[in-house]
Amino acid sequence: MQLLSVIVPCYNEEENIRDFYDELMKNQPFFDKRDLDVEVIYIDDGSKDHTLEEIKKLIKEDSRVHVVSFSRNFGKEAGIYAGLQKAKGDYVVMMDVDLQDPPALLPEMFAGIDEGYDSVATRRVTRKGEPPIRSFFARMFYKLMNKISQTEMMDGARDYRLMTRQMADAILSMAEYNRFTKGIYGWVGFKTKWLEFENVERNKGQTKWNFWKLLMYSFEGITAFSTAPLAFASIMGVVFCILAFVLIIVIIVRTSVFGDPTSGWPSLVCIISLVSGVQLLCLGVIGQYLSKTYMEVKKRPIYIAKEDI
């Protein structure tokens, strides 16, 4: 009998714990038919509500349910990594507890594995129910990443993915502190089949991802899988050096031909502000990469588990 490990990161999701479990277990006839055992690994990411208590209730009812509870909120990326470390299955699948990743797709995903694929990933073909500006920036992010990075990222891709043990081990081998799982999936490679589905709104509760958090997360992805911003900073430096040289020649020629007319200070202030702004932008880009390097070399643990049941 083969084992399927279901990894479910949670943060303040007490309302969805039971609903997710019930929806997942609707696939039990399929699991039985395939002779597949299941372990459900909830990752409690330092929840402040009764998420952990709800998970423990399920553990008492079903020995296949497990939990890793963090000492504080370490983020979804740490939760995914912890789940992969705890998973013992021949197959591993990541799912959101809010049921935006439909468990009903699992039979179709296993069909892709049977076809010889190493992983079966999912992507939304619509963003129904999502704010327009959020959808716009999300699409722009994927377009930008595919241009500046050698790692392919599919627009609308979800973390909902079924993979073989070999691919799961490959992801675990990338023990970097600054993690961006969508990029890691593409970087490790393996043969992947994509399943498309209509966007599903949350079952209960409110999303923990606001626009600002998503923006910071996108910066994390860019710095993790592309050095294009550093190249941009270098190019801007060269451009402004050339521009300054040209302006020096223009001033010399103008002074030689027309004398030394007094120029207004507002234009000078504007030029200084522009150049200073570009310098600060470039320093900020370099600072981002230095901060990531700083966090990596400190070798801090990706997460700290308070309970592991």
Protein backbone atom coordinates (compact mmCIF):
# COMPACT_ATOMS: atom_id res chain seq x y z
CA MET A 1 0.00 0.00 0.00
CA GLN A 2 1.31 3.44 -0.96
CA LEU A 3 1.03 6.52 1.23
CA LEU A 4 -0.22 9.99 0.32
CA SER A 5 0.89 12.88 2.54
CA VAL A 6 -1.45 15.88 2.53
CA ILE A 7 0.27 19.06 3.78
CA VAL A 8 -2.08 21.79 5.01
CA PRO A 9 -0.58 25.07 6.30
CA CYS A 10 -2.94 26.96 8.65
CA TYR A 11 -2.97 30.35 10.32
CA ASN A 12 -6.04 31.38 12.31
CA GLU A 13 -8.27 28.95 10.40
CA GLU A 14 -10.34 27.37 13.18
CA GLU A 15 -13.51 27.63 11.08
CA ASN A 16 -12.05 25.66 8.18
CA ILE A 17 -10.19 22.79 9.88
CA ARG A 18 -13.17 20.43 10.11
CA ASP A 19 -14.65 21.47 6.76
CA PHE A 20 -11.38 20.76 4.97
CA TYR A 21 -11.04 17.33 6.58
CA ASP A 22 -14.61 16.38 5.66
CA GLU A 23 -14.13 17.54 2.07
CA LEU A 24 -10.84 15.66 1.72
CA MET A 25 -12.33 12.43 3.06
CA LYS A 26 -15.00 12.50 0.35
CA ASN A 27 -12.17 11.02 -1.73
CA GLN A 28 -12.00 7.92 0.51
CA PRO A 29 -13.62 5.64 -2.13
CA PHE A 30 -10.92 6.74 -4.57
CA PHE A 31 -8.19 6.13 -1.97
CA ASP A 32 -9.57 2.65 -1.28
CA LYS A 33 -9.83 1.81 -4.97
CA ARG A 34 -6.23 2.89 -5.52
CA ASP A 35 -5.06 1.07 -2.36
CA LEU A 36 -3.77 4.36 -1.03
CA ASP A 37 -3.31 5.24 2.62
CA VAL A 38 -3.46 8.90 3.67
CA GLU A 39 -1.81 11.05 6.32
CA VAL A 40 -3.06 14.60 6.86
CA ILE A 41 -0.40 16.96 8.19
CA TYR A 42 -1.73 20.26 9.47
CA ILE A 43 0.91 22.95 10.01
CA ASP A 44 -0.26 25.41 12.65
CA ASP A 45 1.69 28.56 11.88
CA GLY A 46 1.47 30.10 15.35
CA SER A 47 -2.29 30.65 15.19
CA LYS A 48 -3.83 32.93 17.83
CA ASP A 49 -7.31 31.43 17.66
CA HIS A 50 -8.45 27.85 18.36
CA THR A 51 -6.92 26.32 15.23
CA LEU A 52 -4.65 23.96 17.20
CA GLU A 53 -7.50 22.84 19.45
CA GLU A 54 -9.65 22.00 16.42
CA ILE A 55 -6.80 19.97 14.90
CA LYS A 56 -6.30 18.05 18.14
CA LYS A 57 -10.00 17.13 18.12
CA LEU A 58 -9.49 15.55 14.70
CA ILE A 59 -6.37 13.73 15.91
CA LYS A 60 -8.44 12.05 18.63
CA GLU A 61 -10.94 10.92 15.99
CA ASP A 62 -8.49 9.85 13.27
CA SER A 63 -4.95 8.62 13.88
CA ARG A 64 -4.04 9.60 10.30
CA VAL A 65 -4.18 13.27 11.27
CA HIS A 66 -0.99 14.95 12.52
CA VAL A 67 0.07 18.47 13.42
CA VAL A 68 3.24 20.52 13.64
CA SER A 69 2.60 23.66 15.69
CA PHE A 70 5.08 26.53 15.43
CA SER A 71 6.25 28.59 18.41
CA ARG A 72 5.19 31.73 16.51
CA ASN A 73 4.09 32.80 13.04
CA PHE A 74 6.92 31.92 10.64
CA GLY A 75 4.95 32.28 7.40
CA LYS A 76 3.46 29.94 4.82
CA GLU A 77 6.82 29.14 3.23
CA ALA A 78 8.12 27.78 6.53
CA GLY A 79 4.89 25.82 6.89
CA ILE A 80 5.34 24.15 3.51
CA TYR A 81 8.93 23.26 4.34
CA ALA A 82 7.94 21.81 7.73
CA GLY A 83 5.23 19.75 6.08
CA LEU A 84 7.64 18.35 3.53
CA GLN A 85 10.04 17.39 6.32
CA LYS A 86 7.33 15.55 8.24
CA ALA A 87 5.73 13.89 5.21
CA LYS A 88 6.53 10.21 4.81
CA GLY A 89 4.38 9.52 1.78
CA ASP A 90 5.25 8.09 -1.61
CA TYR A 91 3.27 11.06 -2.91
CA VAL A 92 2.97 14.52 -1.40
CA VAL A 93 0.31 17.14 -2.03
CA MET A 94 0.10 20.74 -0.77
CA MET A 95 -3.36 22.21 -0.17
CA ASP A 96 -4.86 25.35 1.38
CA VAL A 97 -7.21 24.75 4.29
CA ASP A 98 -9.71 27.38 3.07
CA LEU A 99 -10.86 24.99 0.28
CA GLN A 100 -9.70 27.28 -2.51
CA ASP A 101 -7.77 24.18 -3.58
CA PRO A 102 -10.58 21.68 -4.33
CA PRO A 103 -9.76 18.20 -2.92
CA ALA A 104 -12.10 16.81 -5.59
CA LEU A 105 -9.29 17.32 -8.13
CA LEU A 106 -7.12 14.63 -6.51
CA PRO A 107 -8.31 11.71 -8.71
CA GLU A 108 -7.58 13.75 -11.84
CA MET A 109 -4.18 14.71 -10.44
CA PHE A 110 -3.28 11.08 -9.80
CA ALA A 111 -4.28 10.31 -13.38
CA GLY A 112 -1.51 12.69 -14.43
CA ILE A 113 0.98 10.86 -12.23
CA ASP A 114 -0.09 7.60 -13.86
CA GLU A 115 0.69 9.16 -17.24
CA GLY A 116 4.32 9.45 -16.20
CA TYR A 117 4.48 12.99 -14.84
CA ASP A 118 6.55 13.73 -11.74
CA SER A 119 4.11 16.35 -10.52
CA VAL A 120 0.65 17.65 -11.32
CA ALA A 121 0.19 21.35 -10.58
CA THR A 122 -2.90 23.55 -10.68
CA ARG A 123 -3.57 27.06 -11.94
CA ARG A 124 -6.59 29.34 -11.86
CA VAL A 125 -7.92 30.38 -15.24
CA THR A 126 -10.03 33.15 -13.71
CA ARG A 127 -9.64 35.48 -10.74
CA LYS A 128 -13.33 35.82 -10.00
CA GLY A 129 -13.99 37.55 -6.69
CA GLU A 130 -10.52 39.11 -6.55
CA PRO A 131 -10.00 42.92 -6.59
CA PRO A 132 -9.10 44.10 -10.14
CA ILE A 133 -5.93 45.92 -9.08
CA ARG A 134 -4.69 42.81 -7.26
CA SER A 135 -5.33 40.68 -10.35
CA PHE A 136 -3.54 43.22 -12.57
CA PHE A 137 -0.40 43.31 -10.44
CA ALA A 138 -0.41 39.51 -10.12
CA ARG A 139 -0.44 39.10 -13.90
CA MET A 140 2.31 41.72 -14.25
CA PHE A 141 4.42 39.89 -11.66
CA TYR A 142 4.31 36.60 -13.57
CA LYS A 143 5.10 38.34 -16.87
CA LEU A 144 8.05 40.13 -15.28
CA MET A 145 9.41 37.00 -13.57
CA ASN A 146 9.30 34.99 -16.78
CA LYS A 147 11.33 37.70 -18.53
CA ILE A 148 13.99 38.35 -15.90
CA SER A 149 14.36 34.84 -14.47
CA GLN A 150 15.39 31.51 -15.96
CA THR A 151 12.83 29.82 -13.71
CA GLU A 152 9.46 29.41 -15.43
CA MET A 153 6.41 30.46 -13.43
CA MET A 154 2.88 29.88 -14.65
CA ASP A 155 0.38 32.74 -14.38
CA GLY A 156 -2.31 31.87 -11.87
CA ALA A 157 -0.29 28.99 -10.40
CA ARG A 158 -1.40 27.71 -7.02
CA ASP A 159 0.67 25.95 -4.35
CA TYR A 160 -1.79 23.06 -4.82
CA ARG A 161 0.46 20.41 -6.34
CA LEU A 162 0.78 16.63 -6.22
CA MET A 163 4.33 15.33 -6.54
CA THR A 164 6.36 12.17 -6.28
CA ARG A 165 8.69 11.44 -3.38
CA GLN A 166 11.67 12.17 -5.61
CA MET A 167 10.52 15.71 -6.33
CA ALA A 168 9.63 16.33 -2.67
CA ASP A 169 13.15 15.29 -1.65
CA ALA A 170 14.61 17.60 -4.29
CA ILE A 171 12.68 20.54 -2.81
CA LEU A 172 13.83 19.59 0.70
CA SER A 173 17.43 19.64 -0.50
CA MET A 174 17.02 23.39 -1.09
CA ALA A 175 17.24 24.37 2.58
CA GLU A 176 17.58 28.11 1.96
CA TYR A 177 16.18 30.52 4.56
CA ASN A 178 14.58 32.97 2.10
CA ARG A 179 12.09 30.67 0.40
CA PHE A 180 9.80 31.24 -2.57
CA THR A 181 8.14 27.91 -3.26
CA LYS A 182 6.64 28.81 -6.63
CA GLY A 183 10.15 29.55 -7.86
CA ILE A 184 11.60 26.44 -6.22
CA TYR A 185 9.08 24.26 -8.06
CA GLY A 186 10.33 25.62 -11.36
CA TRP A 187 14.00 25.53 -10.39
CA VAL A 188 14.10 21.84 -9.41
CA GLY A 189 12.45 20.98 -12.72
CA PHE A 190 10.80 17.56 -13.18
CA LYS A 191 8.07 16.76 -15.66
CA THR A 192 4.92 18.67 -14.71
CA LYS A 193 1.34 18.53 -15.93
CA TRP A 194 -0.90 21.57 -15.40
CA LEU A 195 -4.56 21.35 -14.46
CA GLU A 196 -6.77 24.39 -14.89
CA PHE A 197 -9.80 25.21 -12.76
CA GLU A 198 -12.11 28.12 -12.09
CA ASN A 199 -11.27 30.30 -9.12
CA VAL A 200 -12.92 29.12 -5.90
CA GLU A 201 -13.61 31.64 -3.15
CA ARG A 202 -12.74 30.97 0.48
CA ASN A 203 -14.97 28.62 2.42
CA LYS A 204 -15.02 30.70 5.63
CA GLY A 205 -13.06 33.50 7.24
CA GLN A 206 -10.89 36.24 5.78
CA THR A 207 -7.72 35.94 3.72
CA LYS A 208 -4.47 36.73 5.53
CA TRP A 209 -2.88 38.05 2.33
CA ASN A 210 -3.45 41.78 1.83
CA PHE A 211 -2.00 43.78 -1.06
CA TRP A 212 1.07 44.90 0.90
CA LYS A 213 1.97 41.35 1.99
CA LEU A 214 1.62 40.11 -1.59
CA LEU A 215 3.81 42.97 -2.82
CA MET A 216 6.55 42.07 -0.32
CA TYR A 217 6.17 38.41 -1.26
CA SER A 218 6.69 39.31 -4.92
CA PHE A 219 9.91 41.16 -4.03
CA GLU A 220 11.00 38.00 -2.20
CA GLY A 221 10.46 35.99 -5.38
CA ILE A 222 12.31 38.47 -7.59
CA THR A 223 15.39 38.65 -5.37
CA ALA A 224 15.38 34.87 -4.83
CA PHE A 225 15.37 33.89 -8.50
CA SER A 226 16.77 36.81 -10.47
CA THR A 227 19.73 39.18 -10.37
CA ALA A 228 18.12 41.48 -12.95
CA PRO A 229 17.54 44.28 -10.38
CA LEU A 230 21.30 44.36 -9.72
CA ALA A 231 21.94 44.60 -13.46
CA PHE A 232 19.38 47.42 -13.61
CA ALA A 233 21.21 49.30 -10.85
CA SER A 234 24.50 48.93 -12.73
CA ILE A 235 22.96 50.09 -16.01
CA MET A 236 21.41 53.14 -14.33
CA GLY A 237 24.84 54.04 -12.94
CA VAL A 238 26.40 53.84 -16.41
CA VAL A 239 23.56 55.84 -17.97
CA PHE A 240 23.88 58.67 -15.48
CA CYS A 241 27.66 58.75 -15.84
CA ILE A 242 27.26 59.16 -19.62
CA LEU A 243 24.53 61.75 -19.11
CA ALA A 244 26.72 63.71 -16.70
CA PHE A 245 29.62 63.62 -19.18
CA VAL A 246 27.37 64.89 -21.99
CA LEU A 247 26.03 67.70 -19.79
CA ILE A 248 29.57 68.74 -18.87
CA ILE A 249 30.43 69.06 -22.58
CA VAL A 250 27.22 71.02 -23.21
CA ILE A 251 28.02 73.46 -20.37
CA ILE A 252 31.61 73.94 -21.58
CA VAL A 253 30.47 74.61 -25.16
CA ARG A 254 27.67 76.94 -24.05
CA THR A 255 30.00 78.89 -21.77
CA SER A 256 32.62 79.20 -24.53
CA VAL A 257 30.10 80.42 -27.11
CA PHE A 258 27.60 82.44 -25.07
CA GLY A 259 29.61 83.39 -22.02
CA ASP A 260 28.54 82.32 -18.51
CA PRO A 261 24.81 82.95 -18.17
CA THR A 262 23.36 82.43 -14.71
CA SER A 263 21.15 79.36 -14.59
CA GLY A 264 18.19 79.10 -12.25
CA TRP A 265 18.60 77.09 -9.08
CA PRO A 266 15.24 75.24 -9.48
CA SER A 267 16.60 73.20 -12.40
CA LEU A 268 19.70 72.38 -10.37
CA VAL A 269 17.58 71.22 -7.43
CA CYS A 270 15.49 69.03 -9.76
CA ILE A 271 18.60 67.43 -11.26
CA ILE A 272 20.14 66.78 -7.84
CA SER A 273 16.86 65.29 -6.57
CA LEU A 274 16.58 63.03 -9.62
CA VAL A 275 20.13 61.74 -9.35
CA SER A 276 19.81 61.28 -5.59
CA GLY A 277 16.58 59.37 -6.05
CA VAL A 278 18.16 57.01 -8.56
CA GLN A 279 21.13 56.49 -6.25
CA LEU A 280 18.86 55.64 -3.33
CA LEU A 281 16.86 53.25 -5.55
CA CYS A 282 20.01 51.44 -6.61
CA LEU A 283 21.29 51.32 -3.03
CA GLY A 284 17.94 49.90 -1.96
CA VAL A 285 18.20 47.14 -4.57
CA ILE A 286 21.71 46.26 -3.44
CA GLY A 287 20.55 46.41 0.18
CA GLN A 288 17.80 43.88 -0.52
CA TYR A 289 20.32 41.35 -1.84
CA LEU A 290 22.72 42.05 1.04
CA SER A 291 19.93 41.53 3.58
CA LYS A 292 19.02 38.18 2.01
CA THR A 293 22.66 37.14 2.12
CA TYR A 294 22.90 38.29 5.75
CA MET A 295 19.89 36.17 6.74
CA GLU A 296 21.28 33.13 4.92
CA VAL A 297 24.75 33.22 6.51
CA LYS A 298 23.31 33.46 10.04
CA LYS A 299 21.95 29.93 9.54
CA ARG A 300 18.85 30.48 11.63
CA PRO A 301 16.28 27.64 11.58
CA ILE A 302 13.46 28.10 9.07
CA TYR A 303 10.96 27.37 11.85
CA ILE A 304 10.75 26.25 15.48
CA ALA A 305 8.21 23.58 16.33
CA LYS A 306 6.45 23.87 19.68
CA GLU A 307 4.43 20.66 19.22
CA ASP A 308 4.81 17.78 16.80
CA ILE A 309 2.06 15.18 17.03
